[in-house]
Amino acid sequence: MKVLRNPVVMGSIGFFLVIGILTYFISDMLKIKLLTPKPSFAAEPIFNLGPIHFTNSMLMTLIVMAAIVLFFWWNTRRISLIPTRGQNIAEMVIEFLVGVVESTAGKKTGRVIFPLIATLFIFIITANYSGLLPGVGSIGLCRSEAALHAGATDTTPPAVEPANTPRLGGCAEGTEFVPLFRAPNADLNTTLAMALIAVVVVQVAGVLAHGVGGYLKELTTPVLLAPIHIIGEFSRIISLSARLFGNIFGGEVLLAVMYFLLGSVFAGFGVVVFLGLELLFGAIQALVFTFLTTVYISMAVAGHGDAEGHDVEHNPAGAGIPEHPATGTEVHMG
């Protein structure tokens, strides 16, 4: 409850509530009908690159990637013993991820897979938060239904509806609003691509640690459970991609539903409550995805036998066995 006593927090909440209430009464007096966001399950194409439909989620993905590269390049181009604020943030992120990876996979394996895990985490959390930026999902073009299904680039300017039903913005009859920006992880294609990368790296790590013969032996031991092991490897693709996509897309749907239920008051109250929850869920989903990927790689390197509590003989010569980050001694995945 100490947070509620903070004048800054209470002032921010009061500010958004006042703005929301004023917006509600002004729109009611002027009889303005506000647009209700309509989340789309599939990403909408913006233009074509030959046979490829360039979607709004692809555009946002490029923006997120450029922002990440620019941030780390700008803040680490002149590293000094007395760090700047940007260098401090970059170092905090890297140190946090190093600690998580080494405590999960061990120092030896963790240092090898750290670049992949750090890249996944930084991209996922940035992509999750990019969907909360103003204009994402609300700035777009009006396109005819025929052009929309064909993926054409022809657009129609917003039309003014009859005076009896005034509204802020809107599209002419027969056209549909297409947002220019969409959160990357609200597109199943993006999360599926990252899940495929993670699972392929898991298989490659297993082969490098045990050899092709040792990897197949781990996968088919015992023989009767081999189909279950194989299905389990493929199910990781579905679980990683669907979990991330479902939570981010579900967050967008939640915001749209609350906007519809609360009306313009949502502009004030919802910003404080629901966007705050989305910030929390975005960080949690980034951690879950990267943590599970780290665990899968650790198990593949250590071997299924070690993960199930069998002898070390399932991991020949101790190849790839993680070491305890503090003592440097070999440990086995329990």
Protein backbone atom coordinates (compact mmCIF):
# COMPACT_ATOMS: atom_id res chain seq x y z
CA MET A 1 0.00 0.00 0.00
CA LYS A 2 3.02 2.30 0.20
CA VAL A 3 2.85 2.66 -3.58
CA LEU A 4 -0.59 4.26 -3.31
CA ARG A 5 0.85 6.84 -0.91
CA ASN A 6 3.38 7.95 -3.50
CA PRO A 7 2.29 11.37 -4.79
CA VAL A 8 3.69 10.66 -8.25
CA VAL A 9 1.69 7.44 -8.61
CA MET A 10 -1.50 8.99 -7.27
CA GLY A 11 -1.01 12.05 -9.46
CA SER A 12 -0.59 9.88 -12.56
CA ILE A 13 -3.69 7.83 -11.75
CA GLY A 14 -5.69 11.00 -11.10
CA PHE A 15 -4.48 12.58 -14.34
CA PHE A 16 -5.54 9.63 -16.48
CA LEU A 17 -8.89 9.36 -14.71
CA VAL A 18 -9.62 13.06 -15.26
CA ILE A 19 -8.68 12.78 -18.95
CA GLY A 20 -10.91 9.71 -19.33
CA ILE A 21 -13.89 11.32 -17.64
CA LEU A 22 -13.53 14.53 -19.67
CA THR A 23 -13.27 12.51 -22.88
CA TYR A 24 -16.42 10.59 -21.94
CA PHE A 25 -18.52 13.70 -21.29
CA ILE A 26 -17.20 15.59 -24.33
CA SER A 27 -17.90 12.67 -26.65
CA ASP A 28 -21.37 12.30 -25.11
CA MET A 29 -22.21 16.00 -25.56
CA LEU A 30 -20.95 16.07 -29.15
CA LYS A 31 -22.54 12.65 -29.86
CA ILE A 32 -19.26 11.27 -31.11
CA LYS A 33 -19.06 7.52 -31.55
CA LEU A 34 -15.55 6.31 -30.84
CA LEU A 35 -14.00 3.58 -32.95
CA THR A 36 -13.67 0.20 -31.26
CA PRO A 37 -10.47 -1.72 -32.06
CA LYS A 38 -11.03 -5.00 -33.93
CA PRO A 39 -8.18 -7.44 -33.33
CA SER A 40 -7.41 -9.70 -36.29
CA PHE A 41 -6.14 -13.25 -35.80
CA ALA A 42 -3.96 -13.04 -38.90
CA ALA A 43 -1.49 -10.29 -39.76
CA GLU A 44 -2.75 -7.94 -42.48
CA PRO A 45 -0.70 -7.43 -45.68
CA ILE A 46 0.41 -3.87 -46.40
CA PHE A 47 2.05 -4.32 -49.81
CA ASN A 48 3.56 -7.02 -51.97
CA LEU A 49 7.17 -7.90 -52.70
CA GLY A 50 6.61 -10.13 -55.70
CA PRO A 51 4.78 -13.22 -54.42
CA ILE A 52 5.47 -12.29 -50.79
CA HIS A 53 2.87 -10.38 -48.78
CA PHE A 54 4.67 -7.86 -46.56
CA THR A 55 2.50 -7.68 -43.41
CA ASN A 56 2.21 -5.12 -40.63
CA SER A 57 3.83 -7.52 -38.16
CA MET A 58 6.85 -7.87 -40.47
CA LEU A 59 7.17 -4.08 -40.59
CA MET A 60 7.05 -3.86 -36.80
CA THR A 61 9.59 -6.69 -36.53
CA LEU A 62 12.07 -4.71 -38.65
CA ILE A 63 11.47 -1.61 -36.51
CA VAL A 64 12.06 -3.58 -33.29
CA MET A 65 15.25 -5.14 -34.64
CA ALA A 66 16.56 -1.76 -35.78
CA ALA A 67 15.74 -0.22 -32.39
CA ILE A 68 17.61 -2.98 -30.50
CA VAL A 69 20.70 -2.74 -32.73
CA LEU A 70 20.71 1.05 -32.53
CA PHE A 71 20.30 1.06 -28.73
CA PHE A 72 23.18 -1.32 -28.01
CA TRP A 73 25.44 0.20 -30.67
CA TRP A 74 24.89 3.73 -29.38
CA ASN A 75 25.40 2.87 -25.72
CA THR A 76 28.37 0.53 -26.14
CA ARG A 77 30.33 2.30 -28.88
CA ARG A 78 32.50 3.98 -26.24
CA ILE A 79 32.64 1.71 -23.23
CA SER A 80 34.24 3.34 -20.19
CA LEU A 81 34.97 2.42 -16.58
CA ILE A 82 32.52 5.14 -15.53
CA PRO A 83 29.47 4.00 -17.51
CA THR A 84 26.85 6.30 -18.91
CA ARG A 85 23.17 5.71 -18.13
CA GLY A 86 22.67 3.83 -21.39
CA GLN A 87 25.75 1.68 -20.84
CA ASN A 88 24.52 0.93 -17.32
CA ILE A 89 21.19 -0.33 -18.67
CA ALA A 90 22.90 -2.47 -21.32
CA GLU A 91 25.28 -3.98 -18.74
CA MET A 92 22.45 -4.68 -16.30
CA VAL A 93 20.52 -6.57 -18.98
CA ILE A 94 23.54 -8.63 -20.01
CA GLU A 95 24.58 -9.42 -16.42
CA PHE A 96 21.03 -10.49 -15.56
CA LEU A 97 20.86 -12.82 -18.56
CA VAL A 98 24.32 -14.27 -17.89
CA GLY A 99 23.27 -15.10 -14.34
CA VAL A 100 20.04 -16.75 -15.47
CA VAL A 101 21.68 -18.81 -18.20
CA GLU A 102 24.66 -19.96 -16.12
CA SER A 103 22.49 -20.85 -13.11
CA THR A 104 20.26 -22.97 -15.37
CA ALA A 105 22.66 -24.57 -17.85
CA GLY A 106 25.94 -24.33 -15.95
CA LYS A 107 28.93 -22.14 -16.70
CA LYS A 108 30.37 -24.24 -19.53
CA THR A 109 27.17 -24.74 -21.51
CA GLY A 110 25.72 -21.38 -20.51
CA ARG A 111 28.58 -19.37 -22.02
CA VAL A 112 28.16 -21.23 -25.33
CA ILE A 113 24.40 -20.71 -25.67
CA PHE A 114 24.32 -17.23 -24.10
CA PRO A 115 24.28 -15.28 -27.42
CA LEU A 116 21.18 -17.17 -28.58
CA ILE A 117 19.35 -16.89 -25.27
CA ALA A 118 20.17 -13.20 -24.85
CA THR A 119 19.05 -12.44 -28.41
CA LEU A 120 15.75 -14.27 -27.90
CA PHE A 121 15.00 -12.55 -24.59
CA ILE A 122 15.86 -9.03 -25.72
CA PHE A 123 13.91 -9.39 -28.96
CA ILE A 124 10.84 -10.98 -27.34
CA ILE A 125 10.49 -8.47 -24.50
CA THR A 126 11.05 -5.53 -26.85
CA ALA A 127 8.55 -6.93 -29.34
CA ASN A 128 6.00 -7.50 -26.57
CA TYR A 129 6.32 -3.93 -25.33
CA SER A 130 6.23 -2.50 -28.86
CA GLY A 131 2.58 -3.52 -29.09
CA LEU A 132 1.75 -1.13 -26.24
CA LEU A 133 3.12 1.94 -28.00
CA PRO A 134 0.61 4.60 -29.13
CA GLY A 135 -0.32 4.14 -32.77
CA VAL A 136 0.33 0.39 -32.91
CA GLY A 137 -2.95 -1.06 -34.10
CA SER A 138 -4.64 2.34 -34.32
CA ILE A 139 -2.77 4.02 -37.22
CA GLY A 140 -3.53 2.55 -40.60
CA LEU A 141 -5.19 2.75 -43.98
CA CYS A 142 -8.68 2.16 -45.34
CA ARG A 143 -8.67 -0.53 -47.99
CA SER A 144 -11.42 -2.08 -50.07
CA GLU A 145 -12.31 -5.66 -49.22
CA ALA A 146 -11.27 -6.86 -52.68
CA ALA A 147 -7.88 -5.17 -52.43
CA LEU A 148 -7.44 -6.45 -48.88
CA HIS A 149 -7.95 -10.09 -49.85
CA ALA A 150 -5.74 -9.65 -52.91
CA GLY A 151 -2.97 -8.01 -50.84
CA ALA A 152 -2.97 -4.97 -53.11
CA THR A 153 -1.58 -1.62 -52.13
CA ASP A 154 -4.54 0.46 -53.26
CA THR A 155 -5.92 2.47 -50.39
CA THR A 156 -9.00 4.59 -49.88
CA PRO A 157 -8.97 7.73 -47.70
CA PRO A 158 -11.22 7.78 -44.63
CA ALA A 159 -14.78 8.84 -45.43
CA VAL A 160 -17.08 11.03 -43.37
CA GLU A 161 -20.25 9.25 -42.34
CA PRO A 162 -23.70 10.92 -42.32
CA ALA A 163 -24.19 13.74 -39.85
CA ASN A 164 -26.63 11.65 -37.82
CA THR A 165 -23.83 9.29 -36.75
CA PRO A 166 -20.64 11.35 -36.40
CA ARG A 167 -17.49 9.54 -35.32
CA LEU A 168 -13.77 10.12 -34.95
CA GLY A 169 -12.18 8.70 -38.10
CA GLY A 170 -13.67 5.67 -39.80
CA CYS A 171 -13.67 4.10 -43.26
CA ALA A 172 -16.15 4.35 -46.09
CA GLU A 173 -18.69 1.60 -46.64
CA GLY A 174 -17.12 -1.36 -48.42
CA THR A 175 -13.66 -0.63 -47.04
CA GLU A 176 -11.85 -2.03 -44.02
CA PHE A 177 -9.33 -0.48 -41.67
CA VAL A 178 -5.86 -2.05 -41.90
CA PRO A 179 -3.35 -1.06 -39.18
CA LEU A 180 0.16 -0.26 -40.34
CA PHE A 181 1.77 -1.66 -37.18
CA ARG A 182 1.13 -4.89 -35.29
CA ALA A 183 3.04 -6.39 -32.38
CA PRO A 184 5.45 -9.00 -33.85
CA ASN A 185 4.54 -11.67 -31.30
CA ALA A 186 0.82 -11.17 -31.97
CA ASP A 187 1.54 -12.96 -35.25
CA LEU A 188 1.84 -16.74 -35.01
CA ASN A 189 4.38 -16.78 -37.84
CA THR A 190 6.89 -14.85 -35.73
CA THR A 191 6.56 -17.02 -32.62
CA LEU A 192 6.58 -20.19 -34.73
CA ALA A 193 9.82 -19.11 -36.41
CA MET A 194 11.51 -18.51 -33.03
CA ALA A 195 10.22 -21.85 -31.71
CA LEU A 196 11.63 -23.66 -34.76
CA ILE A 197 15.01 -22.00 -34.25
CA ALA A 198 15.03 -22.98 -30.57
CA VAL A 199 14.08 -26.62 -31.21
CA VAL A 200 16.56 -27.01 -34.09
CA VAL A 201 19.34 -25.66 -31.85
CA VAL A 202 18.30 -28.19 -29.18
CA GLN A 203 18.70 -31.07 -31.66
CA VAL A 204 22.03 -29.74 -32.95
CA ALA A 205 23.32 -29.38 -29.38
CA GLY A 206 22.35 -32.98 -28.65
CA VAL A 207 24.17 -34.26 -31.74
CA LEU A 208 27.30 -32.19 -30.99
CA ALA A 209 27.39 -33.43 -27.40
CA HIS A 210 26.77 -37.14 -28.04
CA GLY A 211 27.35 -37.70 -31.73
CA VAL A 212 24.69 -38.94 -34.14
CA GLY A 213 24.73 -42.46 -32.70
CA GLY A 214 24.59 -41.29 -29.10
CA TYR A 215 21.82 -38.82 -29.89
CA LEU A 216 19.69 -41.50 -31.56
CA LYS A 217 20.37 -43.83 -28.66
CA GLU A 218 19.13 -41.23 -26.21
CA LEU A 219 16.08 -40.63 -28.37
CA THR A 220 15.17 -44.33 -28.64
CA THR A 221 15.94 -45.46 -25.07
CA PRO A 222 13.82 -47.35 -24.14
CA VAL A 223 12.62 -48.45 -27.58
CA LEU A 224 8.97 -48.61 -26.58
CA LEU A 225 9.04 -44.96 -25.55
CA ALA A 226 10.81 -43.75 -28.71
CA PRO A 227 7.55 -42.50 -30.34
CA ILE A 228 6.74 -40.53 -27.20
CA HIS A 229 10.21 -38.96 -27.19
CA ILE A 230 9.87 -37.98 -30.85
CA ILE A 231 6.39 -36.54 -30.33
CA GLY A 232 7.71 -34.68 -27.28
CA GLU A 233 10.41 -32.99 -29.37
CA PHE A 234 7.85 -31.79 -31.93
CA SER A 235 5.40 -30.72 -29.22
CA ARG A 236 7.96 -28.22 -27.96
CA ILE A 237 7.50 -26.27 -31.18
CA ILE A 238 3.77 -26.00 -30.57
CA SER A 239 4.06 -25.19 -26.86
CA LEU A 240 6.71 -22.48 -27.27
CA SER A 241 5.02 -20.73 -30.20
CA ALA A 242 1.40 -21.07 -29.09
CA ARG A 243 2.07 -19.95 -25.52
CA LEU A 244 3.81 -16.74 -26.55
CA PHE A 245 1.37 -15.96 -29.34
CA GLY A 246 -1.69 -16.72 -27.24
CA ASN A 247 -0.64 -14.47 -24.37
CA ILE A 248 0.33 -11.49 -26.53
CA PHE A 249 -2.66 -11.77 -28.86
CA GLY A 250 -4.92 -12.37 -25.87
CA GLY A 251 -3.61 -9.16 -24.33
CA GLU A 252 -4.62 -7.24 -27.43
CA VAL A 253 -8.09 -8.80 -27.32
CA LEU A 254 -8.38 -7.91 -23.62
CA LEU A 255 -7.57 -4.27 -24.33
CA ALA A 256 -10.13 -4.20 -27.13
CA VAL A 257 -12.83 -5.79 -24.97
CA MET A 258 -12.22 -3.43 -22.07
CA TYR A 259 -12.26 -0.48 -24.46
CA PHE A 260 -15.68 -1.66 -25.69
CA LEU A 261 -17.05 -2.24 -22.18
CA LEU A 262 -15.73 0.92 -20.52
CA GLY A 263 -16.02 3.26 -23.50
CA SER A 264 -13.92 6.40 -23.43
CA VAL A 265 -13.39 6.09 -19.66
CA PHE A 266 -10.96 3.32 -20.64
CA ALA A 267 -8.68 6.02 -22.05
CA GLY A 268 -7.96 7.04 -18.46
CA PHE A 269 -8.53 4.08 -16.17
CA GLY A 270 -7.41 1.33 -18.54
CA VAL A 271 -4.04 2.93 -19.24
CA VAL A 272 -3.10 2.56 -15.59
CA VAL A 273 -4.50 -0.91 -14.91
CA PHE A 274 -4.51 -3.03 -18.06
CA LEU A 275 -1.44 -1.65 -19.78
CA GLY A 276 0.40 -2.16 -16.48
CA LEU A 277 -0.66 -5.81 -16.52
CA GLU A 278 0.50 -6.15 -20.11
CA LEU A 279 3.93 -4.84 -19.10
CA LEU A 280 4.14 -7.58 -16.47
CA PHE A 281 2.88 -10.34 -18.76
CA GLY A 282 5.24 -9.25 -21.55
CA ALA A 283 8.27 -9.67 -19.28
CA ILE A 284 7.00 -12.99 -17.91
CA GLN A 285 6.47 -14.46 -21.38
CA ALA A 286 9.95 -13.40 -22.49
CA LEU A 287 11.42 -15.11 -19.42
CA VAL A 288 9.35 -18.26 -19.90
CA PHE A 289 10.34 -18.67 -23.56
CA THR A 290 14.05 -18.15 -22.97
CA PHE A 291 14.13 -20.17 -19.74
CA LEU A 292 12.46 -23.18 -21.38
CA THR A 293 14.83 -22.94 -24.34
CA THR A 294 17.79 -22.95 -21.92
CA VAL A 295 16.40 -25.97 -20.08
CA TYR A 296 15.78 -27.89 -23.33
CA ILE A 297 19.35 -27.27 -24.50
CA SER A 298 20.75 -28.28 -21.09
CA MET A 299 18.79 -31.54 -21.14
CA ALA A 300 19.90 -32.29 -24.71
CA VAL A 301 23.56 -31.73 -23.80
CA ALA A 302 23.34 -33.71 -20.56
CA GLY A 303 21.29 -36.47 -22.15
CA HIS A 304 17.89 -37.92 -21.39
CA GLY A 305 19.48 -40.50 -19.15
CA ASP A 306 20.96 -37.86 -16.84
CA ALA A 307 17.67 -35.95 -16.82
CA GLU A 308 15.90 -39.10 -15.65
CA GLY A 309 18.42 -39.89 -12.94
CA HIS A 310 20.43 -42.66 -14.67
CA ASP A 311 24.18 -43.18 -14.67
CA VAL A 312 26.72 -40.93 -16.34
CA GLU A 313 27.47 -43.63 -18.91
CA HIS A 314 24.66 -42.24 -21.04
CA ASN A 315 26.86 -39.16 -21.63
CA PRO A 316 30.17 -40.51 -22.99
CA ALA A 317 33.34 -38.89 -21.65
CA GLY A 318 31.23 -36.28 -19.89
CA ALA A 319 31.03 -34.29 -23.13
CA GLY A 320 29.01 -31.15 -22.72
CA ILE A 321 28.10 -31.76 -19.08
CA PRO A 322 27.26 -28.43 -17.43
CA GLU A 323 29.45 -27.19 -14.62
CA HIS A 324 28.31 -25.46 -11.49
CA PRO A 325 28.86 -21.71 -12.07
CA ALA A 326 30.41 -21.18 -8.66
CA THR A 327 32.59 -24.26 -8.07
CA GLY A 328 33.28 -25.35 -11.63
CA THR A 329 32.45 -28.98 -10.67
CA GLU A 330 30.36 -31.12 -12.95
CA VAL A 331 26.70 -31.45 -12.12
CA HIS A 332 23.96 -33.62 -13.59
CA MET A 333 20.50 -32.44 -14.53
CA GLY A 334 18.01 -33.81 -12.03
